[in-house]
Amino acid sequence: MAIDPNFEQNREKVDEHNGHNVWGPVDEPESLGIHGTHVAVDFDICLADGACLEDCPVDVFEWVETPGHPESEMKADPANESQCIDCMLCVDVCPVDAIDVDASRPDRV
C-alpha cells in the first residue's frame, strides 16, 4: 500500500522530529507515522533500501534508526526537506511508494 497523498487531511499532526512534522498515528515501535510535509515519508512502509538517499541531488534524506519496527530498523528521514527542489527522483525510485512530494501543501517548510 502506497503513502496516502492526502495524509495531511486524513491524519493528525502528532509530533515534530528533526524539524519536520510527524503525522499519526504513532505507536512505537510498530507504528511510526508519516514524517515530513512537503517531502513526506511513510515510515510504516519504508523498507530502507536507500534509493532515495542515493538519488536525491540535494541530500534531503538522512538515515534514522527505528529499532523494533517490523518493516526495517532504519528509515529515510526527510531531515532536510526545505532543500527539496521538487525533482521527484525520490518518488520515482522508491520501490514501495513510501514517499510523496507536493510543494502545494499548506505547511511547506
PDB file of N, CA and C in Angstrom:
ATOM      1  N   MET A   1       0.839  -1.178   0.000  1.00  0.00           N
ATOM      2  CA  MET A   1       0.000   0.000   0.000  1.00  0.00           C
ATOM      3  C   MET A   1       0.887   1.245   0.000  1.00  0.00           C
ATOM      4  N   ALA A   2       0.633   2.175  -0.878  1.00  0.00           N
ATOM      5  CA  ALA A   2       1.427   3.397  -1.028  1.00  0.00           C
ATOM      6  C   ALA A   2       1.036   4.441   0.021  1.00  0.00           C
ATOM      7  N   ILE A   3       1.907   5.433   0.167  1.00  0.00           N
ATOM      8  CA  ILE A   3       1.626   6.554   1.061  1.00  0.00           C
ATOM      9  C   ILE A   3       0.333   7.247   0.626  1.00  0.00           C
ATOM     10  N   ASP A   4      -0.436   7.691   1.585  1.00  0.00           N
ATOM     11  CA  ASP A   4      -1.668   8.422   1.313  1.00  0.00           C
ATOM     12  C   ASP A   4      -1.296   9.842   0.879  1.00  0.00           C
ATOM     13  N   PRO A   5      -1.575  10.242  -0.368  1.00  0.00           N
ATOM     14  CA  PRO A   5      -1.206  11.580  -0.820  1.00  0.00           C
ATOM     15  C   PRO A   5      -1.995  12.691  -0.123  1.00  0.00           C
ATOM     16  N   ASN A   6      -3.061  12.327   0.564  1.00  0.00           N
ATOM     17  CA  ASN A   6      -3.877  13.296   1.298  1.00  0.00           C
ATOM     18  C   ASN A   6      -3.704  13.143   2.808  1.00  0.00           C
ATOM     19  N   PHE A   7      -2.545  12.680   3.224  1.00  0.00           N
ATOM     20  CA  PHE A   7      -2.322  12.399   4.638  1.00  0.00           C
ATOM     21  C   PHE A   7      -2.544  13.609   5.532  1.00  0.00           C
ATOM     22  N   GLU A   8      -2.227  14.807   5.053  1.00  0.00           N
ATOM     23  CA  GLU A   8      -2.356  15.988   5.902  1.00  0.00           C
ATOM     24  C   GLU A   8      -3.821  16.314   6.186  1.00  0.00           C
ATOM     25  N   GLN A   9      -4.711  15.778   5.392  1.00  0.00           N
ATOM     26  CA  GLN A   9      -6.150  15.924   5.643  1.00  0.00           C
ATOM     27  C   GLN A   9      -6.715  14.726   6.395  1.00  0.00           C
ATOM     28  N   ASN A  10      -6.097  13.564   6.222  1.00  0.00           N
ATOM     29  CA  ASN A  10      -6.616  12.326   6.794  1.00  0.00           C
ATOM     30  C   ASN A  10      -5.951  11.910   8.105  1.00  0.00           C
ATOM     31  N   ARG A  11      -4.887  12.596   8.472  1.00  0.00           N
ATOM     32  CA  ARG A  11      -4.164  12.247   9.697  1.00  0.00           C
ATOM     33  C   ARG A  11      -3.965  13.497  10.542  1.00  0.00           C
ATOM     34  N   GLU A  12      -3.673  13.274  11.793  1.00  0.00           N
ATOM     35  CA  GLU A  12      -3.431  14.372  12.723  1.00  0.00           C
ATOM     36  C   GLU A  12      -1.925  14.576  12.910  1.00  0.00           C
ATOM     37  N   LYS A  13      -1.515  15.832  12.943  1.00  0.00           N
ATOM     38  CA  LYS A  13      -0.119  16.148  13.244  1.00  0.00           C
ATOM     39  C   LYS A  13       0.075  15.876  14.734  1.00  0.00           C
ATOM     40  N   VAL A  14       0.978  14.937  15.062  1.00  0.00           N
ATOM     41  CA  VAL A  14       1.108  14.498  16.446  1.00  0.00           C
ATOM     42  C   VAL A  14       2.445  14.847  17.101  1.00  0.00           C
ATOM     43  N   ASP A  15       3.427  15.250  16.294  1.00  0.00           N
ATOM     44  CA  ASP A  15       4.751  15.494  16.865  1.00  0.00           C
ATOM     45  C   ASP A  15       5.618  16.213  15.836  1.00  0.00           C
ATOM     46  N   GLU A  16       6.830  16.537  16.262  1.00  0.00           N
ATOM     47  CA  GLU A  16       7.881  17.028  15.362  1.00  0.00           C
ATOM     48  C   GLU A  16       9.112  16.170  15.573  1.00  0.00           C
ATOM     49  N   HIS A  17       9.868  15.998  14.498  1.00  0.00           N
ATOM     50  CA  HIS A  17      11.095  15.201  14.559  1.00  0.00           C
ATOM     51  C   HIS A  17      12.118  15.842  13.625  1.00  0.00           C
ATOM     52  N   ASN A  18      13.263  16.180  14.138  1.00  0.00           N
ATOM     53  CA  ASN A  18      14.327  16.782  13.327  1.00  0.00           C
ATOM     54  C   ASN A  18      13.833  17.968  12.497  1.00  0.00           C
ATOM     55  N   GLY A  19      12.935  18.778  13.061  1.00  0.00           N
ATOM     56  CA  GLY A  19      12.468  19.979  12.388  1.00  0.00           C
ATOM     57  C   GLY A  19      11.338  19.791  11.397  1.00  0.00           C
ATOM     58  N   HIS A  20      10.781  18.594  11.318  1.00  0.00           N
ATOM     59  CA  HIS A  20       9.638  18.376  10.426  1.00  0.00           C
ATOM     60  C   HIS A  20       8.479  17.742  11.187  1.00  0.00           C
ATOM     61  N   ASN A  21       7.296  17.832  10.601  1.00  0.00           N
ATOM     62  CA  ASN A  21       6.086  17.298  11.222  1.00  0.00           C
ATOM     63  C   ASN A  21       6.043  15.782  11.159  1.00  0.00           C
ATOM     64  N   VAL A  22       5.361  15.202  12.153  1.00  0.00           N
ATOM     65  CA  VAL A  22       5.061  13.773  12.163  1.00  0.00           C
ATOM     66  C   VAL A  22       3.543  13.648  12.227  1.00  0.00           C
ATOM     67  N   TRP A  23       3.003  12.868  11.321  1.00  0.00           N
ATOM     68  CA  TRP A  23       1.564  12.676  11.188  1.00  0.00           C
ATOM     69  C   TRP A  23       1.221  11.278  11.671  1.00  0.00           C
ATOM     70  N   GLY A  24       0.313  11.182  12.642  1.00  0.00           N
ATOM     71  CA  GLY A  24      -0.031   9.926  13.290  1.00  0.00           C
ATOM     72  C   GLY A  24      -0.933   9.035  12.461  1.00  0.00           C
ATOM     73  N   PRO A  25      -1.253   7.898  13.042  1.00  0.00           N
ATOM     74  CA  PRO A  25      -0.969   7.501  14.409  1.00  0.00           C
ATOM     75  C   PRO A  25       0.463   7.009  14.586  1.00  0.00           C
ATOM     76  N   VAL A  26       0.948   7.185  15.801  1.00  0.00           N
ATOM     77  CA  VAL A  26       2.267   6.692  16.184  1.00  0.00           C
ATOM     78  C   VAL A  26       2.095   5.840  17.436  1.00  0.00           C
ATOM     79  N   ASP A  27       2.618   4.627  17.363  1.00  0.00           N
ATOM     80  CA  ASP A  27       2.623   3.705  18.499  1.00  0.00           C
ATOM     81  C   ASP A  27       3.906   2.895  18.379  1.00  0.00           C
ATOM     82  N   GLU A  28       4.986   3.477  18.893  1.00  0.00           N
ATOM     83  CA  GLU A  28       6.314   2.873  18.719  1.00  0.00           C
ATOM     84  C   GLU A  28       6.392   1.511  19.383  1.00  0.00           C
ATOM     85  N   PRO A  29       7.156   0.590  18.842  1.00  0.00           N
ATOM     86  CA  PRO A  29       7.946   0.705  17.624  1.00  0.00           C
ATOM     87  C   PRO A  29       7.202   0.278  16.365  1.00  0.00           C
ATOM     88  N   GLU A  30       5.976  -0.250  16.492  1.00  0.00           N
ATOM     89  CA  GLU A  30       5.285  -0.808  15.339  1.00  0.00           C
ATOM     90  C   GLU A  30       4.749   0.233  14.366  1.00  0.00           C
ATOM     91  N   SER A  31       4.250   1.343  14.856  1.00  0.00           N
ATOM     92  CA  SER A  31       3.655   2.369  14.007  1.00  0.00           C
ATOM     93  C   SER A  31       4.388   3.688  14.224  1.00  0.00           C
ATOM     94  N   LEU A  32       4.982   4.226  13.155  1.00  0.00           N
ATOM     95  CA  LEU A  32       5.811   5.430  13.274  1.00  0.00           C
ATOM     96  C   LEU A  32       5.250   6.623  12.509  1.00  0.00           C
ATOM     97  N   GLY A  33       4.164   6.449  11.776  1.00  0.00           N
ATOM     98  CA  GLY A  33       3.520   7.556  11.094  1.00  0.00           C
ATOM     99  C   GLY A  33       4.253   8.030   9.848  1.00  0.00           C
ATOM    100  N   ILE A  34       3.833   9.198   9.391  1.00  0.00           N
ATOM    101  CA  ILE A  34       4.420   9.835   8.210  1.00  0.00           C
ATOM    102  C   ILE A  34       5.262  11.007   8.678  1.00  0.00           C
ATOM    103  N   HIS A  35       6.486  11.072   8.194  1.00  0.00           N
ATOM    104  CA  HIS A  35       7.419  12.138   8.563  1.00  0.00           C
ATOM    105  C   HIS A  35       7.573  13.104   7.409  1.00  0.00           C
ATOM    106  N   GLY A  36       7.450  14.403   7.726  1.00  0.00           N
ATOM    107  CA  GLY A  36       7.583  15.457   6.726  1.00  0.00           C
ATOM    108  C   GLY A  36       6.231  15.908   6.208  1.00  0.00           C
ATOM    109  N   THR A  37       6.233  17.023   5.477  1.00  0.00           N
ATOM    110  CA  THR A  37       5.012  17.545   4.881  1.00  0.00           C
ATOM    111  C   THR A  37       5.222  17.773   3.391  1.00  0.00           C
ATOM    112  N   HIS A  38       6.124  18.660   3.027  1.00  0.00           N
ATOM    113  CA  HIS A  38       6.458  18.870   1.612  1.00  0.00           C
ATOM    114  C   HIS A  38       7.041  17.585   1.040  1.00  0.00           C
ATOM    115  N   VAL A  39       8.033  17.031   1.728  1.00  0.00           N
ATOM    116  CA  VAL A  39       8.578  15.718   1.402  1.00  0.00           C
ATOM    117  C   VAL A  39       8.116  14.792   2.515  1.00  0.00           C
ATOM    118  N   ALA A  40       7.219  13.886   2.202  1.00  0.00           N
ATOM    119  CA  ALA A  40       6.626  13.016   3.210  1.00  0.00           C
ATOM    120  C   ALA A  40       7.060  11.574   2.992  1.00  0.00           C
ATOM    121  N   VAL A  41       7.487  10.926   4.083  1.00  0.00           N
ATOM    122  CA  VAL A  41       7.893   9.526   4.030  1.00  0.00           C
ATOM    123  C   VAL A  41       7.032   8.749   5.017  1.00  0.00           C
ATOM    124  N   ASP A  42       6.344   7.734   4.513  1.00  0.00           N
ATOM    125  CA  ASP A  42       5.562   6.871   5.383  1.00  0.00           C
ATOM    126  C   ASP A  42       6.517   5.864   6.017  1.00  0.00           C
ATOM    127  N   PHE A  43       6.868   6.116   7.277  1.00  0.00           N
ATOM    128  CA  PHE A  43       7.826   5.264   7.974  1.00  0.00           C
ATOM    129  C   PHE A  43       7.298   3.839   8.143  1.00  0.00           C
ATOM    130  N   ASP A  44       5.997   3.651   8.073  1.00  0.00           N
ATOM    131  CA  ASP A  44       5.447   2.319   8.292  1.00  0.00           C
ATOM    132  C   ASP A  44       5.592   1.415   7.084  1.00  0.00           C
ATOM    133  N   ILE A  45       5.835   1.983   5.902  1.00  0.00           N
ATOM    134  CA  ILE A  45       6.054   1.140   4.727  1.00  0.00           C
ATOM    135  C   ILE A  45       7.465   1.265   4.158  1.00  0.00           C
ATOM    136  N   CYS A  46       8.239   2.245   4.624  1.00  0.00           N
ATOM    137  CA  CYS A  46       9.628   2.397   4.168  1.00  0.00           C
ATOM    138  C   CYS A  46      10.422   1.146   4.547  1.00  0.00           C
ATOM    139  N   LEU A  47      11.094   0.562   3.551  1.00  0.00           N
ATOM    140  CA  LEU A  47      11.892  -0.628   3.832  1.00  0.00           C
ATOM    141  C   LEU A  47      13.387  -0.359   3.793  1.00  0.00           C
ATOM    142  N   ALA A  48      13.748   0.892   3.725  1.00  0.00           N
ATOM    143  CA  ALA A  48      15.146   1.324   3.861  1.00  0.00           C
ATOM    144  C   ALA A  48      16.078   0.721   2.820  1.00  0.00           C
ATOM    145  N   ASP A  49      15.676   0.745   1.565  1.00  0.00           N
ATOM    146  CA  ASP A  49      16.573   0.248   0.520  1.00  0.00           C
ATOM    147  C   ASP A  49      17.627   1.286   0.148  1.00  0.00           C
ATOM    148  N   GLY A  50      17.409   2.554   0.498  1.00  0.00           N
ATOM    149  CA  GLY A  50      18.407   3.604   0.302  1.00  0.00           C
ATOM    150  C   GLY A  50      18.399   4.287  -1.046  1.00  0.00           C
ATOM    151  N   ALA A  51      17.490   3.918  -1.932  1.00  0.00           N
ATOM    152  CA  ALA A  51      17.468   4.519  -3.269  1.00  0.00           C
ATOM    153  C   ALA A  51      17.253   6.023  -3.206  1.00  0.00           C
ATOM    154  N   CYS A  52      16.382   6.479  -2.317  1.00  0.00           N
ATOM    155  CA  CYS A  52      16.116   7.920  -2.225  1.00  0.00           C
ATOM    156  C   CYS A  52      17.349   8.677  -1.732  1.00  0.00           C
ATOM    157  N   LEU A  53      18.080   8.107  -0.797  1.00  0.00           N
ATOM    158  CA  LEU A  53      19.298   8.752  -0.312  1.00  0.00           C
ATOM    159  C   LEU A  53      20.344   8.841  -1.414  1.00  0.00           C
ATOM    160  N   GLU A  54      20.448   7.796  -2.200  1.00  0.00           N
ATOM    161  CA  GLU A  54      21.432   7.764  -3.278  1.00  0.00           C
ATOM    162  C   GLU A  54      21.090   8.715  -4.419  1.00  0.00           C
ATOM    163  N   ASP A  55      19.807   8.820  -4.759  1.00  0.00           N
ATOM    164  CA  ASP A  55      19.403   9.584  -5.935  1.00  0.00           C
ATOM    165  C   ASP A  55      19.092  11.054  -5.681  1.00  0.00           C
ATOM    166  N   CYS A  56      18.819  11.440  -4.444  1.00  0.00           N
ATOM    167  CA  CYS A  56      18.454  12.825  -4.162  1.00  0.00           C
ATOM    168  C   CYS A  56      19.643  13.756  -4.419  1.00  0.00           C
ATOM    169  N   PRO A  57      19.512  14.708  -5.347  1.00  0.00           N
ATOM    170  CA  PRO A  57      20.633  15.576  -5.688  1.00  0.00           C
ATOM    171  C   PRO A  57      20.940  16.651  -4.638  1.00  0.00           C
ATOM    172  N   VAL A  58      20.029  16.852  -3.670  1.00  0.00           N
ATOM    173  CA  VAL A  58      20.233  17.916  -2.683  1.00  0.00           C
ATOM    174  C   VAL A  58      20.250  17.384  -1.246  1.00  0.00           C
ATOM    175  N   ASP A  59      20.381  16.076  -1.086  1.00  0.00           N
ATOM    176  CA  ASP A  59      20.539  15.438   0.230  1.00  0.00           C
ATOM    177  C   ASP A  59      19.419  15.770   1.215  1.00  0.00           C
ATOM    178  N   VAL A  60      18.190  15.585   0.770  1.00  0.00           N
ATOM    179  CA  VAL A  60      17.036  15.796   1.644  1.00  0.00           C
ATOM    180  C   VAL A  60      16.995  14.753   2.763  1.00  0.00           C
ATOM    181  N   PHE A  61      17.401  13.528   2.468  1.00  0.00           N
ATOM    182  CA  PHE A  61      17.216  12.405   3.388  1.00  0.00           C
ATOM    183  C   PHE A  61      18.462  12.074   4.206  1.00  0.00           C
ATOM    184  N   GLU A  62      18.202  11.602   5.424  1.00  0.00           N
ATOM    185  CA  GLU A  62      19.246  11.076   6.308  1.00  0.00           C
ATOM    186  C   GLU A  62      18.713   9.795   6.933  1.00  0.00           C
ATOM    187  N   TRP A  63      19.606   8.861   7.223  1.00  0.00           N
ATOM    188  CA  TRP A  63      19.189   7.644   7.905  1.00  0.00           C
ATOM    189  C   TRP A  63      18.843   7.956   9.351  1.00  0.00           C
ATOM    190  N   VAL A  64      17.791   7.325   9.844  1.00  0.00           N
ATOM    191  CA  VAL A  64      17.430   7.409  11.250  1.00  0.00           C
ATOM    192  C   VAL A  64      17.124   5.978  11.704  1.00  0.00           C
ATOM    193  N   GLU A  65      17.577   5.652  12.900  1.00  0.00           N
ATOM    194  CA  GLU A  65      17.343   4.318  13.436  1.00  0.00           C
ATOM    195  C   GLU A  65      15.928   4.199  13.978  1.00  0.00           C
ATOM    196  N   THR A  66      15.291   3.068  13.682  1.00  0.00           N
ATOM    197  CA  THR A  66      13.941   2.784  14.167  1.00  0.00           C
ATOM    198  C   THR A  66      13.913   1.359  14.719  1.00  0.00           C
ATOM    199  N   PRO A  67      14.595   1.131  15.836  1.00  0.00           N
ATOM    200  CA  PRO A  67      14.702  -0.225  16.378  1.00  0.00           C
ATOM    201  C   PRO A  67      13.328  -0.832  16.679  1.00  0.00           C
ATOM    202  N   GLY A  68      13.181  -2.073  16.290  1.00  0.00           N
ATOM    203  CA  GLY A  68      11.955  -2.803  16.571  1.00  0.00           C
ATOM    204  C   GLY A  68      10.843  -2.639  15.563  1.00  0.00           C
ATOM    205  N   HIS A  69      11.031  -1.768  14.555  1.00  0.00           N
ATOM    206  CA  HIS A  69       9.966  -1.620  13.553  1.00  0.00           C
ATOM    207  C   HIS A  69       9.931  -2.879  12.690  1.00  0.00           C
ATOM    208  N   PRO A  70       8.738  -3.423  12.442  1.00  0.00           N
ATOM    209  CA  PRO A  70       8.650  -4.697  11.719  1.00  0.00           C
ATOM    210  C   PRO A  70       9.119  -4.645  10.260  1.00  0.00           C
ATOM    211  N   GLU A  71       9.080  -3.481   9.610  1.00  0.00           N
ATOM    212  CA  GLU A  71       9.484  -3.386   8.205  1.00  0.00           C
ATOM    213  C   GLU A  71      10.998  -3.232   8.055  1.00  0.00           C
ATOM    214  N   SER A  72      11.596  -2.368   8.863  1.00  0.00           N
ATOM    215  CA  SER A  72      13.046  -2.173   8.837  1.00  0.00           C
ATOM    216  C   SER A  72      13.448  -1.345  10.053  1.00  0.00           C
ATOM    217  N   GLU A  73      14.673  -1.492  10.470  1.00  0.00           N
ATOM    218  CA  GLU A  73      15.146  -0.784  11.660  1.00  0.00           C
ATOM    219  C   GLU A  73      15.902   0.498  11.325  1.00  0.00           C
ATOM    220  N   MET A  74      15.804   0.917  10.076  1.00  0.00           N
ATOM    221  CA  MET A  74      16.331   2.200   9.611  1.00  0.00           C
ATOM    222  C   MET A  74      15.259   2.802   8.708  1.00  0.00           C
ATOM    223  N   LYS A  75      15.208   4.130   8.662  1.00  0.00           N
ATOM    224  CA  LYS A  75      14.258   4.810   7.787  1.00  0.00           C
ATOM    225  C   LYS A  75      14.951   5.980   7.112  1.00  0.00           C
ATOM    226  N   ALA A  76      14.460   6.341   5.950  1.00  0.00           N
ATOM    227  CA  ALA A  76      14.942   7.509   5.215  1.00  0.00           C
ATOM    228  C   ALA A  76      14.155   8.716   5.712  1.00  0.00           C
ATOM    229  N   ASP A  77      14.766   9.502   6.563  1.00  0.00           N
ATOM    230  CA  ASP A  77      14.113  10.636   7.201  1.00  0.00           C
ATOM    231  C   ASP A  77      14.305  11.893   6.362  1.00  0.00           C
ATOM    232  N   PRO A  78      13.210  12.635   6.049  1.00  0.00           N
ATOM    233  CA  PRO A  78      13.351  13.870   5.280  1.00  0.00           C
ATOM    234  C   PRO A  78      13.842  15.026   6.162  1.00  0.00           C
ATOM    235  N   ALA A  79      14.980  14.831   6.775  1.00  0.00           N
ATOM    236  CA  ALA A  79      15.530  15.782   7.748  1.00  0.00           C
ATOM    237  C   ALA A  79      15.833  17.149   7.143  1.00  0.00           C
ATOM    238  N   ASN A  80      16.067  17.189   5.839  1.00  0.00           N
ATOM    239  CA  ASN A  80      16.405  18.445   5.161  1.00  0.00           C
ATOM    240  C   ASN A  80      15.375  18.764   4.086  1.00  0.00           C
ATOM    241  N   GLU A  81      14.091  18.597   4.418  1.00  0.00           N
ATOM    242  CA  GLU A  81      13.062  18.759   3.389  1.00  0.00           C
ATOM    243  C   GLU A  81      13.006  20.165   2.809  1.00  0.00           C
ATOM    244  N   SER A  82      13.504  21.153   3.521  1.00  0.00           N
ATOM    245  CA  SER A  82      13.500  22.528   2.988  1.00  0.00           C
ATOM    246  C   SER A  82      14.427  22.670   1.785  1.00  0.00           C
ATOM    247  N   GLN A  83      15.354  21.727   1.599  1.00  0.00           N
ATOM    248  CA  GLN A  83      16.276  21.755   0.469  1.00  0.00           C
ATOM    249  C   GLN A  83      15.666  21.156  -0.801  1.00  0.00           C
ATOM    250  N   CYS A  84      14.502  20.545  -0.685  1.00  0.00           N
ATOM    251  CA  CYS A  84      13.894  19.843  -1.820  1.00  0.00           C
ATOM    252  C   CYS A  84      13.670  20.785  -3.003  1.00  0.00           C
ATOM    253  N   ILE A  85      14.014  20.295  -4.197  1.00  0.00           N
ATOM    254  CA  ILE A  85      13.837  21.067  -5.431  1.00  0.00           C
ATOM    255  C   ILE A  85      12.722  20.487  -6.309  1.00  0.00           C
ATOM    256  N   ASP A  86      11.930  19.605  -5.745  1.00  0.00           N
ATOM    257  CA  ASP A  86      10.777  19.010  -6.431  1.00  0.00           C
ATOM    258  C   ASP A  86      11.143  18.259  -7.707  1.00  0.00           C
ATOM    259  N   CYS A  87      12.283  17.615  -7.715  1.00  0.00           N
ATOM    260  CA  CYS A  87      12.691  16.863  -8.906  1.00  0.00           C
ATOM    261  C   CYS A  87      11.964  15.522  -9.015  1.00  0.00           C
ATOM    262  N   MET A  88      11.426  15.034  -7.888  1.00  0.00           N
ATOM    263  CA  MET A  88      10.638  13.807  -7.820  1.00  0.00           C
ATOM    264  C   MET A  88      11.440  12.524  -8.011  1.00  0.00           C
ATOM    265  N   LEU A  89      12.757  12.609  -8.011  1.00  0.00           N
ATOM    266  CA  LEU A  89      13.562  11.393  -8.153  1.00  0.00           C
ATOM    267  C   LEU A  89      13.286  10.404  -7.034  1.00  0.00           C
ATOM    268  N   CYS A  90      13.143  10.900  -5.813  1.00  0.00           N
ATOM    269  CA  CYS A  90      12.893  10.010  -4.679  1.00  0.00           C
ATOM    270  C   CYS A  90      11.583   9.262  -4.840  1.00  0.00           C
ATOM    271  N   VAL A  91      10.568   9.952  -5.327  1.00  0.00           N
ATOM    272  CA  VAL A  91       9.259   9.335  -5.552  1.00  0.00           C
ATOM    273  C   VAL A  91       9.388   8.247  -6.615  1.00  0.00           C
ATOM    274  N   ASP A  92      10.122   8.547  -7.661  1.00  0.00           N
ATOM    275  CA  ASP A  92      10.278   7.608  -8.773  1.00  0.00           C
ATOM    276  C   ASP A  92      11.047   6.345  -8.393  1.00  0.00           C
ATOM    277  N   VAL A  93      12.032   6.453  -7.509  1.00  0.00           N
ATOM    278  CA  VAL A  93      12.872   5.294  -7.206  1.00  0.00           C
ATOM    279  C   VAL A  93      12.404   4.475  -6.013  1.00  0.00           C
ATOM    280  N   CYS A  94      11.470   4.973  -5.236  1.00  0.00           N
ATOM    281  CA  CYS A  94      11.017   4.234  -4.053  1.00  0.00           C
ATOM    282  C   CYS A  94      10.251   2.981  -4.483  1.00  0.00           C
ATOM    283  N   PRO A  95      10.752   1.798  -4.127  1.00  0.00           N
ATOM    284  CA  PRO A  95      10.110   0.564  -4.602  1.00  0.00           C
ATOM    285  C   PRO A  95       8.759   0.268  -3.952  1.00  0.00           C
ATOM    286  N   VAL A  96       8.460   0.916  -2.822  1.00  0.00           N
ATOM    287  CA  VAL A  96       7.185   0.654  -2.135  1.00  0.00           C
ATOM    288  C   VAL A  96       6.284   1.881  -2.092  1.00  0.00           C
ATOM    289  N   ASP A  97       6.627   2.921  -2.839  1.00  0.00           N
ATOM    290  CA  ASP A  97       5.834   4.156  -2.897  1.00  0.00           C
ATOM    291  C   ASP A  97       5.593   4.756  -1.513  1.00  0.00           C
ATOM    292  N   ALA A  98       6.661   4.820  -0.723  1.00  0.00           N
ATOM    293  CA  ALA A  98       6.578   5.357   0.639  1.00  0.00           C
ATOM    294  C   ALA A  98       6.783   6.864   0.684  1.00  0.00           C
ATOM    295  N   ILE A  99       7.097   7.501  -0.462  1.00  0.00           N
ATOM    296  CA  ILE A  99       7.440   8.929  -0.486  1.00  0.00           C
ATOM    297  C   ILE A  99       6.451   9.691  -1.362  1.00  0.00           C
ATOM    298  N   ASP A 100       6.050  10.859  -0.872  1.00  0.00           N
ATOM    299  CA  ASP A 100       5.216  11.753  -1.662  1.00  0.00           C
ATOM    300  C   ASP A 100       5.797  13.156  -1.539  1.00  0.00           C
ATOM    301  N   VAL A 101       5.917  13.857  -2.642  1.00  0.00           N
ATOM    302  CA  VAL A 101       6.428  15.228  -2.667  1.00  0.00           C
ATOM    303  C   VAL A 101       5.345  16.108  -3.266  1.00  0.00           C
ATOM    304  N   ASP A 102       5.000  17.167  -2.533  1.00  0.00           N
ATOM    305  CA  ASP A 102       3.955  18.080  -3.017  1.00  0.00           C
ATOM    306  C   ASP A 102       4.248  19.465  -2.482  1.00  0.00           C
ATOM    307  N   ALA A 103       4.708  20.356  -3.351  1.00  0.00           N
ATOM    308  CA  ALA A 103       5.072  21.721  -2.953  1.00  0.00           C
ATOM    309  C   ALA A 103       3.863  22.574  -2.616  1.00  0.00           C
ATOM    310  N   SER A 104       2.671  22.113  -2.934  1.00  0.00           N
ATOM    311  CA  SER A 104       1.481  22.929  -2.675  1.00  0.00           C
ATOM    312  C   SER A 104       0.867  22.716  -1.296  1.00  0.00           C
ATOM    313  N   ARG A 105       1.425  21.805  -0.509  1.00  0.00           N
ATOM    314  CA  ARG A 105       0.859  21.558   0.813  1.00  0.00           C
ATOM    315  C   ARG A 105       0.999  22.805   1.680  1.00  0.00           C
ATOM    316  N   PRO A 106       0.001  23.108   2.502  1.00  0.00           N
ATOM    317  CA  PRO A 106      -0.008  24.339   3.292  1.00  0.00           C
ATOM    318  C   PRO A 106       1.166  24.506   4.256  1.00  0.00           C
ATOM    319  N   ASP A 107       1.668  23.428   4.834  1.00  0.00           N
ATOM    320  CA  ASP A 107       2.725  23.528   5.830  1.00  0.00           C
ATOM    321  C   ASP A 107       4.114  23.347   5.253  1.00  0.00           C
ATOM    322  N   ARG A 108       4.300  23.700   3.983  1.00  0.00           N
ATOM    323  CA  ARG A 108       5.620  23.527   3.363  1.00  0.00           C
ATOM    324  C   ARG A 108       6.670  24.279   4.167  1.00  0.00           C
ATOM    325  N   VAL A 109       7.785  23.629   4.383  1.00  0.00           N
ATOM    326  CA  VAL A 109       8.879  24.211   5.150  1.00  0.00           C
ATOM    327  C   VAL A 109       9.544  25.304   4.345  1.00  0.00           C
TER     328      VAL A 109
END
